[in-house]
Protein backbone atom coordinates (compact mmCIF):
# COMPACT_ATOMS: atom_id res chain seq x y z
CA MET A 1 35.61 6.66 -18.86
CA SER A 2 33.05 3.55 -18.18
CA ASP A 3 30.17 2.56 -20.20
CA ILE A 4 28.29 1.54 -17.10
CA ILE A 5 25.03 3.43 -16.04
CA TYR A 6 24.83 3.03 -12.42
CA ASN A 7 21.47 2.75 -10.54
CA VAL A 8 20.81 4.86 -7.31
CA ASP A 9 21.35 1.88 -5.24
CA ASP A 10 24.76 1.05 -6.64
CA ILE A 11 25.66 4.89 -6.04
CA LYS A 12 24.52 4.48 -2.50
CA THR A 13 26.48 1.21 -1.83
CA ALA A 14 29.69 2.59 -3.31
CA LEU A 15 29.67 6.04 -1.33
CA ASN A 16 28.26 5.12 1.86
CA PRO A 17 31.59 4.09 3.51
CA VAL A 18 33.41 7.08 2.10
CA LEU A 19 30.68 9.40 3.44
CA HIS A 20 30.67 7.64 7.05
CA GLY A 21 34.41 7.97 6.91
CA TYR A 22 34.17 11.75 6.30
CA LYS A 23 31.30 11.91 9.04
CA VAL A 24 29.30 13.62 6.23
CA LYS A 25 25.70 14.83 7.69
CA ARG A 26 23.88 14.48 4.57
CA ALA A 27 24.40 13.70 0.68
CA MET A 28 22.02 14.29 -1.98
CA LEU A 29 22.12 13.04 -5.48
CA PHE A 30 20.59 15.01 -8.04
CA VAL A 31 20.18 15.86 -11.88
CA SER A 32 20.31 12.95 -14.38
CA TYR A 33 20.57 9.72 -12.07
CA VAL A 34 17.69 11.00 -9.86
CA LYS A 35 15.51 12.03 -13.02
CA GLY A 36 16.18 8.58 -14.56
CA LEU A 37 17.95 10.12 -17.60
CA ALA A 38 21.46 9.05 -16.87
CA ASN A 39 23.42 7.64 -19.89
CA GLU A 40 26.98 6.57 -20.41
CA LYS A 41 28.24 10.04 -20.38
CA SER A 42 26.47 11.01 -17.13
CA ASP A 43 28.44 12.05 -14.07
CA VAL A 44 27.26 11.68 -10.58
CA ASP A 45 26.33 14.99 -8.88
CA LEU A 46 26.38 15.24 -5.19
CA LEU A 47 25.56 17.86 -2.65
CA VAL A 48 27.29 16.97 0.30
CA ASP A 49 26.87 18.76 3.46
CA SER A 50 29.51 17.99 6.31
């Protein structure tokens, strides 16, 4: 596990090519990262509509 706490822009940049590669219609980030409560133990929660 990493000690890095990502910001929303970092997550978007990392996921964008993957989501486009799978022709995802919409992806929503939620929980700790959206609320600004992420810490080094947080996971990235996504709702994906394909």
